Amino acid sequence: MRMKTFRAATSTAAFAKVKADLGEDAVILSNKTVTEDGCKCCEIVAAVDSTPARTAPARSRDGVIDDALQESVGWQREWSQIRNQLLQLMKPQMDLNTLSPKQKLALEYLEREDVDEKVLAKIYCELRDDGTRSIVPVLDDMVEARSMLEDRPSKFHAFAGPGGAGKTTSLVRLALREKKANPKARICLATADGGRGKGRLVLKHYAELSGLAFREIITRDDFDLLQKEAAQFDVIFLDLPGLPGKTSLKEWTQLYGMSECRDMDIHLVLNPYYSQRQLGRFIEKYKSEQLASVIWTKLDEACTFGAILNMAFASGLPVSALSYGPGLKNSIVPATHEKIWRLLFMRKLPNGDIQP
């Protein structure tokens, strides 16, 4: 057994050192905050089995299953290719002339909005047997709209997503909106970016201006402390960092002890101009039982809005908020079906502006 101690400014950085030095099979033995040269840092003790294998170990039932699952990755890739080919073959069979003129027009419009072929095929199958059926109820069944704070009364609301998606801006906008609606609400803004990004300064600035509490999470101990303080607040908005490399949201939240917090919802922040392939990667990277919704941002910068429908179909996640415009006030609203469909079919932003 090879054991080694790693230190870094944040748990994420220390965890990255563990992976780089000991590999994916390393076992975390301890994760704590220590003081080095007068500054707090994270110390992780990890170990990996360095004993060379002399004989091939007997394959247990679990080992056989694990091997089979690993081998299935190739089959999944092949099946994905076959499925796409089947969809291509099926598309000519989607005779839009079997639909009513209004249904046909709606389906053609969605295709121009970059709605994925699998989604179009699903909609077509729902419509073809009833020429009088409107497309809106079909879409209502495919996309759920859910208010973040009203329908999900959790104490912690964390914002995750790729860098540049607008996590920090969405957090500030929602915090200011909640403060305006409930002036007596006890709101805390927290950042877990380890002081590396400008998001920390933005959150701290607006917390001071608006009389909100502010906390920094550098190590697991800091989050434990915030959980103990949670009773002081009505809601805690937590800004998560962009995840490096192959680190998944599940791995990151486990490292910081957040995966054990039963009073936390995580919201995935995305822009409509991500490609379908990118959205697929995000679904895998940010897969988590705590993932509660998608927040769509930078709507005023998008050319098409089909990604909203594609993501809902692929992930099953509801849409909780719609964010737009450069300002921080009055620039984010709870998602509703009406606002989503006005955006998709009329290109009308929640403030009434028409997106060219």
Protein backbone atom coordinates (compact mmCIF):
# COMPACT_ATOMS: atom_id res chain seq x y z
CA MET A 1 0.00 0.00 0.00
CA ARG A 2 1.44 3.33 -1.09
CA MET A 3 0.26 6.32 0.98
CA LYS A 4 0.87 10.00 0.28
CA THR A 5 -0.24 13.40 1.59
CA PHE A 6 -1.36 16.17 -0.76
CA ARG A 7 -1.94 19.84 0.04
CA ALA A 8 -3.54 22.55 -2.05
CA ALA A 9 -5.57 25.72 -1.68
CA THR A 10 -8.85 23.89 -2.30
CA SER A 11 -10.20 20.37 -2.08
CA THR A 12 -10.66 20.33 -5.84
CA ALA A 13 -7.01 21.18 -6.47
CA ALA A 14 -5.83 18.62 -3.93
CA PHE A 15 -8.10 15.98 -5.45
CA ALA A 16 -6.64 16.73 -8.87
CA LYS A 17 -3.14 16.14 -7.48
CA VAL A 18 -4.27 12.79 -6.06
CA LYS A 19 -5.60 11.67 -9.45
CA ALA A 20 -2.48 12.85 -11.28
CA ASP A 21 -0.08 11.11 -8.88
CA LEU A 22 -1.89 7.98 -7.70
CA GLY A 23 -4.40 7.47 -10.47
CA GLU A 24 -8.11 6.69 -10.55
CA ASP A 25 -7.81 3.80 -8.08
CA ALA A 26 -6.61 6.00 -5.20
CA VAL A 27 -8.58 5.78 -1.95
CA ILE A 28 -9.14 8.96 0.09
CA LEU A 29 -8.19 8.26 3.72
CA SER A 30 -8.73 11.75 5.12
CA ASN A 31 -9.78 15.20 3.96
CA LYS A 32 -9.26 18.09 6.38
CA THR A 33 -8.35 21.75 6.68
CA VAL A 34 -4.86 22.59 7.94
CA THR A 35 -2.81 25.77 8.33
CA GLU A 36 0.38 26.19 6.32
CA ASP A 37 2.45 29.37 6.49
CA GLY A 38 -0.45 31.10 8.18
CA CYS A 39 -2.98 30.22 5.44
CA LYS A 40 -5.77 27.66 5.42
CA CYS A 41 -5.43 24.87 2.90
CA CYS A 42 -6.83 21.43 2.22
CA GLU A 43 -4.88 18.31 3.15
CA ILE A 44 -5.86 14.99 1.61
CA VAL A 45 -4.25 11.70 2.59
CA ALA A 46 -4.70 9.10 -0.13
CA ALA A 47 -3.43 5.61 -0.78
CA VAL A 48 -3.22 3.13 -3.63
CA ASP A 49 -2.38 -0.55 -3.68
CA SER A 50 1.12 -0.81 -5.15
CA THR A 51 1.53 -4.57 -4.71
CA PRO A 52 2.17 -6.19 -8.12
CA ALA A 53 -0.27 -8.90 -9.07
CA ARG A 54 1.51 -12.27 -9.28
CA THR A 55 -1.40 -14.40 -10.31
CA ALA A 56 -4.66 -13.60 -11.89
CA PRO A 57 -7.26 -13.28 -9.11
CA ALA A 58 -10.38 -15.37 -9.15
CA ARG A 59 -13.16 -13.45 -10.84
CA SER A 60 -16.02 -12.84 -8.46
CA ARG A 61 -19.57 -12.41 -9.61
CA ASP A 62 -19.30 -8.65 -9.09
CA GLY A 63 -16.06 -8.62 -11.05
CA VAL A 64 -17.69 -10.38 -13.97
CA ILE A 65 -20.54 -7.87 -13.90
CA ASP A 66 -18.11 -4.94 -13.77
CA ASP A 67 -16.19 -6.34 -16.74
CA ALA A 68 -19.41 -6.81 -18.65
CA LEU A 69 -20.47 -3.23 -17.93
CA GLN A 70 -17.11 -1.95 -19.12
CA GLU A 71 -17.41 -3.96 -22.30
CA SER A 72 -20.94 -2.69 -22.79
CA VAL A 73 -19.63 0.81 -23.39
CA GLY A 74 -18.61 -0.22 -26.89
CA TRP A 75 -22.00 -1.79 -27.50
CA GLN A 76 -23.71 1.37 -26.27
CA ARG A 77 -21.71 3.40 -28.75
CA GLU A 78 -22.61 0.99 -31.55
CA TRP A 79 -26.26 1.01 -30.54
CA SER A 80 -26.24 4.81 -30.55
CA GLN A 81 -24.94 4.74 -34.12
CA ILE A 82 -27.52 2.14 -35.17
CA ARG A 83 -30.30 4.16 -33.51
CA ASN A 84 -29.26 7.30 -35.38
CA GLN A 85 -29.27 5.35 -38.64
CA LEU A 86 -32.75 4.03 -37.87
CA LEU A 87 -33.92 7.56 -37.22
CA GLN A 88 -32.53 8.62 -40.58
CA LEU A 89 -34.43 5.77 -42.20
CA MET A 90 -37.55 6.61 -40.26
CA LYS A 91 -37.51 10.30 -41.13
CA PRO A 92 -38.78 9.78 -44.71
CA GLN A 93 -41.62 7.76 -43.20
CA MET A 94 -42.65 10.82 -41.18
CA ASP A 95 -45.13 11.87 -43.82
CA LEU A 96 -46.04 15.35 -42.67
CA ASN A 97 -48.93 15.32 -45.14
CA THR A 98 -50.74 12.96 -42.74
CA LEU A 99 -50.85 15.83 -40.25
CA SER A 100 -53.22 18.76 -40.29
CA PRO A 101 -51.82 21.94 -41.89
CA LYS A 102 -51.38 23.53 -38.46
CA GLN A 103 -49.59 20.49 -37.04
CA LYS A 104 -47.35 20.27 -40.10
CA LEU A 105 -46.46 23.95 -39.84
CA ALA A 106 -45.57 23.60 -36.14
CA LEU A 107 -43.35 20.55 -36.76
CA GLU A 108 -41.54 22.26 -39.62
CA TYR A 109 -40.98 25.30 -37.44
CA LEU A 110 -39.48 23.18 -34.62
CA GLU A 111 -37.09 21.57 -37.09
CA ARG A 112 -35.84 25.03 -38.09
CA GLU A 113 -35.35 25.79 -34.39
CA ASP A 114 -32.82 22.91 -34.22
CA VAL A 115 -35.08 20.53 -32.33
CA ASP A 116 -33.47 17.09 -32.36
CA GLU A 117 -34.80 14.42 -34.74
CA LYS A 118 -35.63 12.05 -31.88
CA VAL A 119 -37.81 14.75 -30.34
CA LEU A 120 -39.48 15.49 -33.67
CA ALA A 121 -40.21 11.77 -34.16
CA LYS A 122 -41.82 11.63 -30.72
CA ILE A 123 -44.00 14.65 -31.45
CA TYR A 124 -44.98 13.27 -34.87
CA CYS A 125 -46.11 9.96 -33.34
CA GLU A 126 -48.22 11.84 -30.80
CA LEU A 127 -49.93 13.93 -33.48
CA ARG A 128 -50.45 11.62 -36.45
CA ASP A 129 -53.45 9.75 -35.01
CA ASP A 130 -55.44 12.88 -34.19
CA GLY A 131 -55.55 15.68 -36.72
CA THR A 132 -57.40 17.96 -34.30
CA ARG A 133 -54.85 17.72 -31.52
CA SER A 134 -52.83 20.84 -30.77
CA ILE A 135 -49.06 20.54 -30.45
CA VAL A 136 -49.02 22.50 -27.18
CA PRO A 137 -50.39 19.70 -24.93
CA VAL A 138 -47.82 17.34 -26.47
CA LEU A 139 -45.02 19.75 -25.61
CA ASP A 140 -46.47 20.34 -22.13
CA ASP A 141 -46.04 16.62 -21.47
CA MET A 142 -42.42 16.76 -22.65
CA VAL A 143 -41.27 19.86 -20.76
CA GLU A 144 -42.02 20.45 -17.10
CA ALA A 145 -41.91 24.00 -15.70
CA ARG A 146 -41.24 24.25 -11.98
CA SER A 147 -40.56 27.25 -9.75
CA MET A 148 -37.32 26.79 -7.86
CA LEU A 149 -38.21 28.33 -4.49
CA GLU A 150 -41.97 27.79 -4.48
CA ASP A 151 -42.10 24.18 -5.62
CA ARG A 152 -38.76 23.06 -4.10
CA PRO A 153 -38.49 24.58 -0.60
CA SER A 154 -34.96 23.32 0.09
CA LYS A 155 -32.56 25.36 2.20
CA PHE A 156 -29.56 25.02 -0.14
CA HIS A 157 -29.80 25.86 -3.84
CA ALA A 158 -26.52 25.21 -5.67
CA PHE A 159 -25.75 26.39 -9.21
CA ALA A 160 -23.64 24.12 -11.42
CA GLY A 161 -22.68 24.16 -15.06
CA PRO A 162 -19.91 24.77 -17.57
CA GLY A 163 -17.72 27.84 -17.32
CA GLY A 164 -19.26 30.94 -18.86
CA ALA A 165 -22.83 29.63 -18.66
CA GLY A 166 -23.86 32.38 -16.24
CA LYS A 167 -24.02 30.58 -12.89
CA THR A 168 -22.90 33.53 -10.77
CA THR A 169 -25.08 36.04 -12.60
CA SER A 170 -28.16 33.81 -12.28
CA LEU A 171 -27.48 33.33 -8.58
CA VAL A 172 -27.24 37.08 -7.94
CA ARG A 173 -30.36 37.75 -10.01
CA LEU A 174 -32.40 35.19 -8.10
CA ALA A 175 -31.10 36.43 -4.74
CA LEU A 176 -32.04 40.04 -5.59
CA ARG A 177 -35.44 38.91 -6.86
CA GLU A 178 -36.11 36.97 -3.65
CA LYS A 179 -34.94 39.89 -1.49
CA LYS A 180 -37.30 42.24 -3.34
CA ALA A 181 -40.24 39.85 -3.00
CA ASN A 182 -39.47 39.06 0.67
CA PRO A 183 -37.54 41.95 2.25
CA LYS A 184 -37.29 40.14 5.57
CA ALA A 185 -35.89 36.95 4.05
CA ARG A 186 -32.57 35.84 5.52
CA ILE A 187 -30.48 35.09 2.44
CA CYS A 188 -26.92 33.83 2.29
CA LEU A 189 -24.69 33.89 -0.79
CA ALA A 190 -21.89 31.32 -0.79
CA THR A 191 -19.10 30.52 -3.21
CA ALA A 192 -17.08 27.33 -3.61
CA ASP A 193 -14.73 28.49 -6.35
CA GLY A 194 -11.80 28.60 -3.93
CA GLY A 195 -11.12 32.26 -4.57
CA ARG A 196 -9.86 31.55 -8.10
CA GLY A 197 -12.54 33.27 -10.17
CA LYS A 198 -14.05 36.73 -10.25
CA GLY A 199 -17.41 35.22 -9.27
CA ARG A 200 -16.32 35.31 -5.63
CA LEU A 201 -15.77 39.07 -5.80
CA VAL A 202 -19.11 39.59 -7.56
CA LEU A 203 -21.01 37.64 -4.90
CA LYS A 204 -19.22 39.37 -2.05
CA HIS A 205 -19.87 42.79 -3.60
CA TYR A 206 -23.60 42.27 -4.04
CA ALA A 207 -23.93 40.62 -0.64
CA GLU A 208 -22.46 43.73 0.96
CA LEU A 209 -24.59 46.10 -1.14
CA SER A 210 -27.83 44.21 -0.45
CA GLY A 211 -27.24 43.36 3.19
CA LEU A 212 -26.97 39.63 2.54
CA ALA A 213 -24.70 37.17 4.31
CA PHE A 214 -21.65 35.88 2.48
CA ARG A 215 -19.67 32.69 3.03
CA GLU A 216 -16.69 31.05 1.31
CA ILE A 217 -16.26 27.30 0.98
CA ILE A 218 -12.65 26.31 0.43
CA THR A 219 -12.61 22.87 2.06
CA ARG A 220 -15.06 20.28 3.31
CA ASP A 221 -14.82 21.76 6.82
CA ASP A 222 -16.17 25.08 5.52
CA PHE A 223 -19.29 23.40 4.14
CA ASP A 224 -19.77 21.50 7.40
CA LEU A 225 -19.68 24.83 9.21
CA LEU A 226 -22.18 26.37 6.78
CA GLN A 227 -24.56 23.46 7.41
CA LYS A 228 -24.36 24.19 11.14
CA GLU A 229 -25.20 27.84 10.43
CA ALA A 230 -28.04 26.98 8.06
CA ALA A 231 -30.74 27.55 10.68
CA GLN A 232 -29.87 31.27 10.61
CA PHE A 233 -30.98 31.56 6.97
CA ASP A 234 -34.17 31.04 4.99
CA VAL A 235 -32.28 30.16 1.81
CA ILE A 236 -28.63 29.68 0.85
CA PHE A 237 -27.56 30.21 -2.77
CA LEU A 238 -24.32 28.36 -3.49
CA ASP A 239 -22.12 29.04 -6.53
CA LEU A 240 -20.24 25.91 -7.64
CA PRO A 241 -17.08 26.14 -9.77
CA GLY A 242 -16.66 24.83 -13.29
CA LEU A 243 -15.54 21.22 -12.98
CA PRO A 244 -12.06 20.43 -14.29
CA GLY A 245 -11.27 17.68 -16.79
CA LYS A 246 -13.12 14.44 -16.25
CA THR A 247 -14.28 15.31 -12.73
CA SER A 248 -18.02 14.71 -12.45
CA LEU A 249 -20.49 16.61 -10.30
CA LYS A 250 -21.04 13.48 -8.24
CA GLU A 251 -17.32 13.16 -7.47
CA TRP A 252 -17.02 16.83 -6.61
CA THR A 253 -20.01 16.93 -4.24
CA GLN A 254 -18.78 13.77 -2.51
CA LEU A 255 -15.37 15.39 -1.98
CA TYR A 256 -16.95 18.40 -0.27
CA GLY A 257 -19.55 16.40 1.66
CA MET A 258 -22.42 18.00 -0.25
CA SER A 259 -23.76 14.72 -1.61
CA GLU A 260 -24.82 13.88 1.96
CA CYS A 261 -26.83 17.09 2.35
CA ARG A 262 -30.50 16.11 2.05
CA ASP A 263 -31.63 19.73 2.02
CA MET A 264 -29.85 20.71 -1.20
CA ASP A 265 -31.09 21.10 -4.77
CA ILE A 266 -28.60 21.58 -7.59
CA HIS A 267 -29.62 23.53 -10.67
CA LEU A 268 -27.84 23.13 -13.99
CA VAL A 269 -27.22 26.47 -15.69
CA LEU A 270 -27.06 26.34 -19.51
CA ASN A 271 -27.35 28.50 -22.64
CA PRO A 272 -29.62 27.64 -25.62
CA TYR A 273 -26.75 27.78 -28.12
CA TYR A 274 -25.01 24.61 -26.89
CA SER A 275 -25.07 21.82 -29.48
CA GLN A 276 -26.92 18.55 -28.92
CA ARG A 277 -23.60 16.75 -28.49
CA GLN A 278 -22.53 19.24 -25.82
CA LEU A 279 -25.84 18.84 -24.00
CA GLY A 280 -25.30 15.08 -24.00
CA ARG A 281 -21.89 15.51 -22.39
CA PHE A 282 -23.33 17.86 -19.77
CA ILE A 283 -26.01 15.31 -18.88
CA GLU A 284 -23.29 12.75 -18.14
CA LYS A 285 -20.91 15.13 -16.36
CA TYR A 286 -23.56 16.67 -14.11
CA LYS A 287 -25.57 13.54 -13.40
CA SER A 288 -26.67 13.59 -9.75
CA GLU A 289 -29.61 12.60 -7.57
CA GLN A 290 -29.58 16.18 -6.26
CA LEU A 291 -29.97 17.69 -9.72
CA ALA A 292 -33.38 19.36 -9.62
CA SER A 293 -33.77 21.63 -12.65
CA VAL A 294 -32.28 23.54 -15.57
CA ILE A 295 -31.90 27.33 -15.61
CA TRP A 296 -31.66 28.78 -19.13
CA THR A 297 -29.55 31.92 -19.39
CA LYS A 298 -28.42 34.44 -22.04
CA LEU A 299 -31.69 33.99 -23.92
CA ASP A 300 -31.21 37.38 -25.57
CA GLU A 301 -28.00 36.08 -27.20
CA ALA A 302 -29.47 32.91 -28.72
CA CYS A 303 -30.47 32.40 -32.36
CA THR A 304 -32.64 29.32 -31.77
CA PHE A 305 -34.33 27.81 -28.72
CA GLY A 306 -34.73 24.16 -29.68
CA ALA A 307 -32.11 23.20 -27.08
CA ILE A 308 -34.67 23.82 -24.33
CA LEU A 309 -36.88 21.09 -25.76
CA ASN A 310 -33.93 18.80 -26.53
CA MET A 311 -32.55 19.00 -23.00
CA ALA A 312 -35.92 18.39 -21.36
CA PHE A 313 -36.50 15.33 -23.57
CA ALA A 314 -33.01 13.88 -22.99
CA SER A 315 -32.66 14.57 -19.26
CA GLY A 316 -36.20 14.67 -17.91
CA LEU A 317 -35.25 17.74 -15.86
CA PRO A 318 -37.79 20.54 -15.42
CA VAL A 319 -37.03 24.15 -16.33
CA SER A 320 -37.06 26.38 -13.25
CA ALA A 321 -35.98 29.83 -14.47
CA LEU A 322 -35.38 31.93 -17.59
CA SER A 323 -32.64 34.56 -17.54
CA TYR A 324 -31.97 37.28 -20.12
CA GLY A 325 -30.44 40.71 -20.69
CA PRO A 326 -27.35 42.43 -19.30
CA GLY A 327 -28.84 43.87 -16.10
CA LEU A 328 -29.11 42.12 -12.75
CA LYS A 329 -32.52 43.41 -11.69
CA ASN A 330 -35.79 42.21 -13.24
CA SER A 331 -33.88 39.94 -15.64
CA ILE A 332 -34.83 36.48 -14.42
CA VAL A 333 -38.28 34.93 -14.01
CA PRO A 334 -39.68 31.58 -12.83
CA ALA A 335 -40.31 29.34 -15.82
CA THR A 336 -43.84 28.63 -16.99
CA HIS A 337 -45.11 26.72 -19.99
CA GLU A 338 -46.55 29.92 -21.45
CA LYS A 339 -43.19 31.76 -21.23
CA ILE A 340 -41.32 28.79 -22.74
CA TRP A 341 -43.69 28.42 -25.69
CA ARG A 342 -43.75 32.17 -26.34
CA LEU A 343 -39.98 32.05 -26.43
CA LEU A 344 -39.86 29.02 -28.71
CA PHE A 345 -42.62 29.91 -31.18
CA MET A 346 -42.80 33.70 -30.99
CA ARG A 347 -39.17 34.45 -30.00
CA LYS A 348 -40.58 36.63 -27.25
CA LEU A 349 -38.36 37.11 -24.18
CA PRO A 350 -40.06 37.10 -20.75
CA ASN A 351 -39.87 40.93 -20.66
CA GLY A 352 -41.86 41.13 -23.90
CA ASP A 353 -38.97 41.97 -26.21
CA ILE A 354 -38.82 40.12 -29.53
CA GLN A 355 -35.55 38.31 -30.15
CA PRO A 356 -34.53 38.94 -33.79
